[in-house]
Amino acid sequence: MKYKLNNADWDTFNNVIASKISSLPIITQGTETICSNAFTEVLIQAANEVFPKKSSSKNTIPSPPWWDSECTEAIRKRKNAEKQYNLHSTLENFDIFCNISRTTRKLLRDKKLTELKGVLTKVKDSAPGEDGIPYSFLSHLDSTSLSYFLDIINSIMISGHIPALWKTQNIIPILKPDKTPSDIASYRPLALSSVLLKLSEHLIKNIWNGILKVTTIYQIVNMALEEGNVLLIV
């Protein structure tokens, strides 16, 4: 429900509807869909004219887990600097805006890397996927290299183009205890995936855990369908 209906002015709403009803198409057999759509449009138009809308904040994507008050303050300063430059387009204001933007980008980048490094501290090497890359390869990378990996994830989230190796698993049959080796039902499959994919999944899970704590499924669908938002990992 996007309208505030407490103490709604139903009389005005009804009057607006009444003024529009006469313009609706005549109902005959075979025109039910057209008439229903027209009636729906009239209801929505009247509601938009009469009723105040609820805040859309619940339909926005919540901040990622690494976001804190320092990030909020940095964004506020950047917006103020941009506003000041738009009002007074001087070289001095441009330099101030550029400097604040660089500082803000560095801060956010550091925060994002902190989350990834936190995930890397919780995982241990196991049998790698087809690419042969273990977790330890990434846990020993510097910030520049990890930033490149984060950029890959974000690009995938926007484009939907997942690397082929990320979608490939090595399936190893494991014989169940006390089972007959010649019977295929005696085995359970062990799927070995790329750790690059699994790290991405960890970060996605963190994002969705935060969203699901404060957001309904209906609101999540609205985010995707109505607002065209793209859920970025970082």
C-alpha atoms as a PDB file:
ATOM      1  CA  MET A   1       0.000   0.000   0.000  1.00  0.00           C
ATOM      2  CA  LYS A   2       1.623   3.249  -1.131  1.00  0.00           C
ATOM      3  CA  TYR A   3      -1.124   5.623   0.059  1.00  0.00           C
ATOM      4  CA  LYS A   4      -1.755   7.071   3.509  1.00  0.00           C
ATOM      5  CA  LEU A   5      -5.401   6.215   4.128  1.00  0.00           C
ATOM      6  CA  ASN A   6      -5.663   7.175   7.782  1.00  0.00           C
ATOM      7  CA  ASN A   7      -8.164  10.041   7.902  1.00  0.00           C
ATOM      8  CA  ALA A   8      -8.534   9.777   4.123  1.00  0.00           C
ATOM      9  CA  ASP A   9     -10.830  12.266   2.380  1.00  0.00           C
ATOM     10  CA  TRP A  10     -13.156   9.678   0.893  1.00  0.00           C
ATOM     11  CA  ASP A  11     -15.797  12.232  -0.114  1.00  0.00           C
ATOM     12  CA  THR A  12     -13.361  14.041  -2.377  1.00  0.00           C
ATOM     13  CA  PHE A  13     -12.098  10.728  -3.709  1.00  0.00           C
ATOM     14  CA  ASN A  14     -15.663   9.664  -4.549  1.00  0.00           C
ATOM     15  CA  ASN A  15     -16.367  13.000  -6.244  1.00  0.00           C
ATOM     16  CA  VAL A  16     -13.283  12.693  -8.422  1.00  0.00           C
ATOM     17  CA  ILE A  17     -14.296   9.176  -9.422  1.00  0.00           C
ATOM     18  CA  ALA A  18     -17.837  10.331 -10.191  1.00  0.00           C
ATOM     19  CA  SER A  19     -16.540  13.066 -12.458  1.00  0.00           C
ATOM     20  CA  LYS A  20     -14.546  10.542 -14.490  1.00  0.00           C
ATOM     21  CA  ILE A  21     -17.014   7.636 -14.680  1.00  0.00           C
ATOM     22  CA  SER A  22     -18.969   9.121 -17.552  1.00  0.00           C
ATOM     23  CA  SER A  23     -15.844   9.114 -19.721  1.00  0.00           C
ATOM     24  CA  LEU A  24     -15.306   5.364 -19.356  1.00  0.00           C
ATOM     25  CA  PRO A  25     -16.071   3.047 -22.301  1.00  0.00           C
ATOM     26  CA  ILE A  26     -19.475   1.382 -22.544  1.00  0.00           C
ATOM     27  CA  ILE A  27     -19.443  -2.190 -21.245  1.00  0.00           C
ATOM     28  CA  THR A  28     -20.363  -4.821 -23.809  1.00  0.00           C
ATOM     29  CA  GLN A  29     -19.480  -8.453 -24.219  1.00  0.00           C
ATOM     30  CA  GLY A  30     -15.862  -8.691 -25.265  1.00  0.00           C
ATOM     31  CA  THR A  31     -14.810  -5.307 -23.845  1.00  0.00           C
ATOM     32  CA  GLU A  32     -14.449  -6.432 -20.230  1.00  0.00           C
ATOM     33  CA  THR A  33     -10.659  -6.175 -20.237  1.00  0.00           C
ATOM     34  CA  ILE A  34     -10.664  -2.711 -21.809  1.00  0.00           C
ATOM     35  CA  CYS A  35     -13.313  -1.472 -19.387  1.00  0.00           C
ATOM     36  CA  SER A  36     -11.563  -3.012 -16.381  1.00  0.00           C
ATOM     37  CA  ASN A  37      -8.263  -1.381 -17.321  1.00  0.00           C
ATOM     38  CA  ALA A  38      -9.971   1.980 -17.804  1.00  0.00           C
ATOM     39  CA  PHE A  39     -11.745   1.693 -14.450  1.00  0.00           C
ATOM     40  CA  THR A  40      -8.480   0.771 -12.743  1.00  0.00           C
ATOM     41  CA  GLU A  41      -6.764   3.769 -14.285  1.00  0.00           C
ATOM     42  CA  VAL A  42      -9.516   6.075 -13.015  1.00  0.00           C
ATOM     43  CA  LEU A  43      -9.155   4.696  -9.487  1.00  0.00           C
ATOM     44  CA  ILE A  44      -5.387   5.196  -9.529  1.00  0.00           C
ATOM     45  CA  GLN A  45      -5.662   8.691 -10.989  1.00  0.00           C
ATOM     46  CA  ALA A  46      -8.147   9.708  -8.311  1.00  0.00           C
ATOM     47  CA  ALA A  47      -6.008   8.224  -5.559  1.00  0.00           C
ATOM     48  CA  ASN A  48      -2.955  10.084  -6.840  1.00  0.00           C
ATOM     49  CA  GLU A  49      -4.919  13.331  -6.844  1.00  0.00           C
ATOM     50  CA  VAL A  50      -6.470  12.956  -3.396  1.00  0.00           C
ATOM     51  CA  PHE A  51      -4.384  10.768  -1.121  1.00  0.00           C
ATOM     52  CA  PRO A  52      -0.869  11.531   0.111  1.00  0.00           C
ATOM     53  CA  LYS A  53       1.674   8.815  -0.580  1.00  0.00           C
ATOM     54  CA  LYS A  54       3.702   6.985   1.982  1.00  0.00           C
ATOM     55  CA  SER A  55       7.413   7.569   2.151  1.00  0.00           C
ATOM     56  CA  SER A  56       9.235   5.503  -0.446  1.00  0.00           C
ATOM     57  CA  SER A  57      12.151   4.846   1.905  1.00  0.00           C
ATOM     58  CA  LYS A  58      10.969   1.286   2.573  1.00  0.00           C
ATOM     59  CA  ASN A  59      11.243   0.513  -1.125  1.00  0.00           C
ATOM     60  CA  THR A  60      14.842   1.596  -1.392  1.00  0.00           C
ATOM     61  CA  ILE A  61      17.680  -0.830  -1.088  1.00  0.00           C
ATOM     62  CA  PRO A  62      19.095  -0.736   2.458  1.00  0.00           C
ATOM     63  CA  SER A  63      22.706   0.232   2.966  1.00  0.00           C
ATOM     64  CA  PRO A  64      25.251  -2.603   2.690  1.00  0.00           C
ATOM     65  CA  PRO A  65      26.606  -4.148   5.907  1.00  0.00           C
ATOM     66  CA  TRP A  66      29.834  -2.130   5.800  1.00  0.00           C
ATOM     67  CA  TRP A  67      28.014   1.229   5.634  1.00  0.00           C
ATOM     68  CA  ASP A  68      28.332   3.357   8.779  1.00  0.00           C
ATOM     69  CA  SER A  69      27.922   6.943   9.972  1.00  0.00           C
ATOM     70  CA  GLU A  70      31.323   7.859   8.539  1.00  0.00           C
ATOM     71  CA  CYS A  71      30.109   6.866   5.062  1.00  0.00           C
ATOM     72  CA  THR A  72      26.899   8.849   5.499  1.00  0.00           C
ATOM     73  CA  GLU A  73      28.812  11.936   6.562  1.00  0.00           C
ATOM     74  CA  ALA A  74      31.216  11.615   3.624  1.00  0.00           C
ATOM     75  CA  ILE A  75      28.330  11.414   1.146  1.00  0.00           C
ATOM     76  CA  ARG A  76      26.666  14.417   2.792  1.00  0.00           C
ATOM     77  CA  LYS A  77      29.844  16.478   2.399  1.00  0.00           C
ATOM     78  CA  ARG A  78      30.223  15.419  -1.225  1.00  0.00           C
ATOM     79  CA  LYS A  79      26.638  16.400  -2.027  1.00  0.00           C
ATOM     80  CA  ASN A  80      27.087  19.771  -0.343  1.00  0.00           C
ATOM     81  CA  ALA A  81      30.292  20.401  -2.275  1.00  0.00           C
ATOM     82  CA  GLU A  82      28.580  19.471  -5.533  1.00  0.00           C
ATOM     83  CA  LYS A  83      25.639  21.749  -4.724  1.00  0.00           C
ATOM     84  CA  GLN A  84      27.990  24.621  -3.907  1.00  0.00           C
ATOM     85  CA  TYR A  85      29.835  24.171  -7.201  1.00  0.00           C
ATOM     86  CA  ASN A  86      26.557  24.080  -9.141  1.00  0.00           C
ATOM     87  CA  LEU A  87      25.530  27.353  -7.500  1.00  0.00           C
ATOM     88  CA  HIS A  88      28.912  29.036  -7.891  1.00  0.00           C
ATOM     89  CA  SER A  89      30.976  27.381 -10.632  1.00  0.00           C
ATOM     90  CA  THR A  90      34.335  28.756  -9.584  1.00  0.00           C
ATOM     91  CA  LEU A  91      37.683  27.003  -9.926  1.00  0.00           C
ATOM     92  CA  GLU A  92      38.039  26.983  -6.154  1.00  0.00           C
ATOM     93  CA  ASN A  93      34.683  25.243  -5.652  1.00  0.00           C
ATOM     94  CA  PHE A  94      35.550  22.761  -8.392  1.00  0.00           C
ATOM     95  CA  ASP A  95      38.830  21.875  -6.666  1.00  0.00           C
ATOM     96  CA  ILE A  96      37.021  21.466  -3.347  1.00  0.00           C
ATOM     97  CA  PHE A  97      34.440  19.176  -4.927  1.00  0.00           C
ATOM     98  CA  CYS A  98      37.121  17.054  -6.636  1.00  0.00           C
ATOM     99  CA  ASN A  99      39.133  16.692  -3.446  1.00  0.00           C
ATOM    100  CA  ILE A 100      36.084  15.671  -1.399  1.00  0.00           C
ATOM    101  CA  SER A 101      35.005  13.228  -4.121  1.00  0.00           C
ATOM    102  CA  ARG A 102      38.442  11.566  -4.106  1.00  0.00           C
ATOM    103  CA  THR A 103      38.383  11.302  -0.331  1.00  0.00           C
ATOM    104  CA  THR A 104      34.882   9.827  -0.368  1.00  0.00           C
ATOM    105  CA  ARG A 105      35.751   7.254  -3.028  1.00  0.00           C
ATOM    106  CA  LYS A 106      38.795   6.145  -1.037  1.00  0.00           C
ATOM    107  CA  LEU A 107      36.765   5.858   2.166  1.00  0.00           C
ATOM    108  CA  LEU A 108      34.044   3.755   0.543  1.00  0.00           C
ATOM    109  CA  ARG A 109      36.615   1.593  -1.195  1.00  0.00           C
ATOM    110  CA  ASP A 110      38.351   0.910   2.127  1.00  0.00           C
ATOM    111  CA  LYS A 111      35.040   0.008   3.762  1.00  0.00           C
ATOM    112  CA  LYS A 112      34.174  -2.394   0.954  1.00  0.00           C
ATOM    113  CA  LEU A 113      37.569  -4.051   1.164  1.00  0.00           C
ATOM    114  CA  THR A 114      37.153  -4.480   4.911  1.00  0.00           C
ATOM    115  CA  GLU A 115      34.047  -6.598   4.336  1.00  0.00           C
ATOM    116  CA  LEU A 116      35.750  -8.782   1.729  1.00  0.00           C
ATOM    117  CA  LYS A 117      38.791  -9.248   3.949  1.00  0.00           C
ATOM    118  CA  GLY A 118      36.448 -10.201   6.778  1.00  0.00           C
ATOM    119  CA  VAL A 119      34.909 -12.930   4.626  1.00  0.00           C
ATOM    120  CA  LEU A 120      38.370 -14.184   3.661  1.00  0.00           C
ATOM    121  CA  THR A 121      39.292 -14.619   7.331  1.00  0.00           C
ATOM    122  CA  LYS A 122      36.357 -17.005   7.795  1.00  0.00           C
ATOM    123  CA  VAL A 123      37.103 -19.387   4.931  1.00  0.00           C
ATOM    124  CA  LYS A 124      39.695 -22.139   4.728  1.00  0.00           C
ATOM    125  CA  ASP A 125      41.282 -23.863   1.777  1.00  0.00           C
ATOM    126  CA  SER A 126      39.476 -26.916   0.512  1.00  0.00           C
ATOM    127  CA  ALA A 127      39.355 -28.734  -2.815  1.00  0.00           C
ATOM    128  CA  PRO A 128      39.168 -25.962  -5.451  1.00  0.00           C
ATOM    129  CA  GLY A 129      36.940 -25.800  -8.495  1.00  0.00           C
ATOM    130  CA  GLU A 130      37.957 -26.362 -12.091  1.00  0.00           C
ATOM    131  CA  ASP A 131      40.060 -23.171 -12.126  1.00  0.00           C
ATOM    132  CA  GLY A 132      42.291 -24.620  -9.392  1.00  0.00           C
ATOM    133  CA  ILE A 133      42.194 -21.416  -7.282  1.00  0.00           C
ATOM    134  CA  PRO A 134      42.072 -21.852  -3.467  1.00  0.00           C
ATOM    135  CA  TYR A 135      40.893 -19.205  -0.991  1.00  0.00           C
ATOM    136  CA  SER A 136      44.462 -18.561   0.130  1.00  0.00           C
ATOM    137  CA  PHE A 137      45.293 -17.069  -3.265  1.00  0.00           C
ATOM    138  CA  LEU A 138      42.878 -14.223  -2.554  1.00  0.00           C
ATOM    139  CA  SER A 139      43.482 -13.927   1.179  1.00  0.00           C
ATOM    140  CA  HIS A 140      47.098 -12.980   0.442  1.00  0.00           C
ATOM    141  CA  LEU A 141      46.298 -10.311  -2.170  1.00  0.00           C
ATOM    142  CA  ASP A 142      46.839  -6.619  -1.549  1.00  0.00           C
ATOM    143  CA  SER A 143      44.048  -4.027  -1.569  1.00  0.00           C
ATOM    144  CA  THR A 144      44.578  -3.080  -5.214  1.00  0.00           C
ATOM    145  CA  SER A 145      44.124  -6.646  -6.414  1.00  0.00           C
ATOM    146  CA  LEU A 146      41.094  -7.239  -4.171  1.00  0.00           C
ATOM    147  CA  SER A 147      39.556  -4.028  -5.471  1.00  0.00           C
ATOM    148  CA  TYR A 148      39.852  -5.392  -8.993  1.00  0.00           C
ATOM    149  CA  PHE A 149      38.024  -8.547  -7.895  1.00  0.00           C
ATOM    150  CA  LEU A 150      35.240  -6.435  -6.353  1.00  0.00           C
ATOM    151  CA  ASP A 151      34.928  -4.475  -9.589  1.00  0.00           C
ATOM    152  CA  ILE A 152      34.466  -7.768 -11.461  1.00  0.00           C
ATOM    153  CA  ILE A 153      31.627  -8.750  -9.117  1.00  0.00           C
ATOM    154  CA  ASN A 154      29.872  -5.408  -9.534  1.00  0.00           C
ATOM    155  CA  SER A 155      30.184  -5.590 -13.295  1.00  0.00           C
ATOM    156  CA  ILE A 156      28.647  -9.079 -13.258  1.00  0.00           C
ATOM    157  CA  MET A 157      25.754  -7.867 -11.115  1.00  0.00           C
ATOM    158  CA  ILE A 158      25.032  -5.111 -13.639  1.00  0.00           C
ATOM    159  CA  SER A 159      25.550  -7.061 -16.869  1.00  0.00           C
ATOM    160  CA  GLY A 160      24.460 -10.536 -15.786  1.00  0.00           C
ATOM    161  CA  HIS A 161      27.425 -12.018 -17.666  1.00  0.00           C
ATOM    162  CA  ILE A 162      28.777 -14.728 -15.378  1.00  0.00           C
ATOM    163  CA  PRO A 163      32.187 -16.218 -16.328  1.00  0.00           C
ATOM    164  CA  ALA A 164      31.920 -19.764 -17.654  1.00  0.00           C
ATOM    165  CA  LEU A 165      34.287 -21.173 -15.021  1.00  0.00           C
ATOM    166  CA  TRP A 166      32.100 -19.698 -12.286  1.00  0.00           C
ATOM    167  CA  LYS A 167      29.186 -21.748 -13.609  1.00  0.00           C
ATOM    168  CA  THR A 168      31.215 -24.956 -13.936  1.00  0.00           C
ATOM    169  CA  GLN A 169      31.485 -27.544 -11.166  1.00  0.00           C
ATOM    170  CA  ASN A 170      33.604 -30.648 -10.878  1.00  0.00           C
ATOM    171  CA  ILE A 171      31.359 -33.454  -9.640  1.00  0.00           C
ATOM    172  CA  ILE A 172      33.156 -36.167  -7.677  1.00  0.00           C
ATOM    173  CA  PRO A 173      31.204 -39.311  -6.681  1.00  0.00           C
ATOM    174  CA  ILE A 174      31.801 -40.232  -3.028  1.00  0.00           C
ATOM    175  CA  LEU A 175      31.015 -43.794  -1.966  1.00  0.00           C
ATOM    176  CA  LYS A 176      28.629 -43.917   0.996  1.00  0.00           C
ATOM    177  CA  PRO A 177      29.676 -46.008   3.997  1.00  0.00           C
ATOM    178  CA  ASP A 178      28.926 -49.722   3.722  1.00  0.00           C
ATOM    179  CA  LYS A 179      27.501 -49.384   0.221  1.00  0.00           C
ATOM    180  CA  THR A 180      28.107 -51.501  -2.874  1.00  0.00           C
ATOM    181  CA  PRO A 181      30.626 -49.782  -5.188  1.00  0.00           C
ATOM    182  CA  SER A 182      28.979 -51.214  -8.302  1.00  0.00           C
ATOM    183  CA  ASP A 183      25.633 -49.564  -7.519  1.00  0.00           C
ATOM    184  CA  ILE A 184      25.343 -45.948  -8.674  1.00  0.00           C
ATOM    185  CA  ALA A 185      22.914 -45.246  -5.828  1.00  0.00           C
ATOM    186  CA  SER A 186      25.773 -45.964  -3.413  1.00  0.00           C
ATOM    187  CA  TYR A 187      27.432 -42.664  -4.247  1.00  0.00           C
ATOM    188  CA  ARG A 188      26.749 -39.077  -3.247  1.00  0.00           C
ATOM    189  CA  PRO A 189      27.942 -36.212  -5.457  1.00  0.00           C
ATOM    190  CA  LEU A 190      30.518 -33.723  -4.212  1.00  0.00           C
ATOM    191  CA  ALA A 191      30.406 -30.501  -6.254  1.00  0.00           C
ATOM    192  CA  LEU A 192      33.587 -28.412  -6.392  1.00  0.00           C
ATOM    193  CA  SER A 193      32.912 -24.795  -7.387  1.00  0.00           C
ATOM    194  CA  SER A 194      35.186 -21.844  -8.080  1.00  0.00           C
ATOM    195  CA  VAL A 195      36.089 -19.985  -4.893  1.00  0.00           C
ATOM    196  CA  LEU A 196      35.637 -16.749  -6.837  1.00  0.00           C
ATOM    197  CA  LEU A 197      31.983 -17.680  -7.187  1.00  0.00           C
ATOM    198  CA  LYS A 198      31.692 -18.772  -3.569  1.00  0.00           C
ATOM    199  CA  LEU A 199      33.208 -15.525  -2.299  1.00  0.00           C
ATOM    200  CA  SER A 200      30.729 -13.617  -4.434  1.00  0.00           C
ATOM    201  CA  GLU A 201      27.937 -15.681  -2.916  1.00  0.00           C
ATOM    202  CA  HIS A 202      29.170 -14.814   0.591  1.00  0.00           C
ATOM    203  CA  LEU A 203      28.982 -11.099  -0.208  1.00  0.00           C
ATOM    204  CA  ILE A 204      25.553 -11.464  -1.826  1.00  0.00           C
ATOM    205  CA  LYS A 205      24.316 -13.357   1.221  1.00  0.00           C
ATOM    206  CA  ASN A 206      25.484 -10.544   3.498  1.00  0.00           C
ATOM    207  CA  ILE A 207      23.592  -8.023   1.382  1.00  0.00           C
ATOM    208  CA  TRP A 208      20.387 -10.061   1.324  1.00  0.00           C
ATOM    209  CA  ASN A 209      20.531 -10.833   5.029  1.00  0.00           C
ATOM    210  CA  GLY A 210      20.505  -7.099   5.674  1.00  0.00           C
ATOM    211  CA  ILE A 211      17.670  -6.521   3.213  1.00  0.00           C
ATOM    212  CA  LEU A 212      15.457  -9.350   4.484  1.00  0.00           C
ATOM    213  CA  LYS A 213      15.684  -8.084   8.049  1.00  0.00           C
ATOM    214  CA  VAL A 214      13.874  -4.859   7.138  1.00  0.00           C
ATOM    215  CA  THR A 215      12.169  -5.605   3.815  1.00  0.00           C
ATOM    216  CA  THR A 216       9.264  -7.768   2.683  1.00  0.00           C
ATOM    217  CA  ILE A 217       9.361  -9.849  -0.487  1.00  0.00           C
ATOM    218  CA  TYR A 218       6.749  -7.512  -1.976  1.00  0.00           C
ATOM    219  CA  GLN A 219       9.015  -4.519  -1.384  1.00  0.00           C
ATOM    220  CA  ILE A 220      11.988  -6.358  -2.910  1.00  0.00           C
ATOM    221  CA  VAL A 221       9.966  -7.023  -6.061  1.00  0.00           C
ATOM    222  CA  ASN A 222       9.038  -3.338  -6.166  1.00  0.00           C
ATOM    223  CA  MET A 223      12.716  -2.431  -5.995  1.00  0.00           C
ATOM    224  CA  ALA A 224      13.453  -4.480  -9.081  1.00  0.00           C
ATOM    225  CA  LEU A 225      10.335  -3.878 -11.164  1.00  0.00           C
ATOM    226  CA  GLU A 226       9.231  -0.347 -10.299  1.00  0.00           C
ATOM    227  CA  GLU A 227      12.472   1.467  -9.577  1.00  0.00           C
ATOM    228  CA  GLY A 228      14.836  -0.435 -11.852  1.00  0.00           C
ATOM    229  CA  ASN A 229      17.422  -0.650  -9.092  1.00  0.00           C
ATOM    230  CA  VAL A 230      20.571  -2.700  -9.474  1.00  0.00           C
ATOM    231  CA  LEU A 231      21.744  -4.428  -6.346  1.00  0.00           C
ATOM    232  CA  LEU A 232      25.478  -3.883  -6.122  1.00  0.00           C
ATOM    233  CA  ILE A 233      27.652  -5.958  -3.888  1.00  0.00           C
ATOM    234  CA  VAL A 234      29.945  -3.072  -3.058  1.00  0.00           C
END
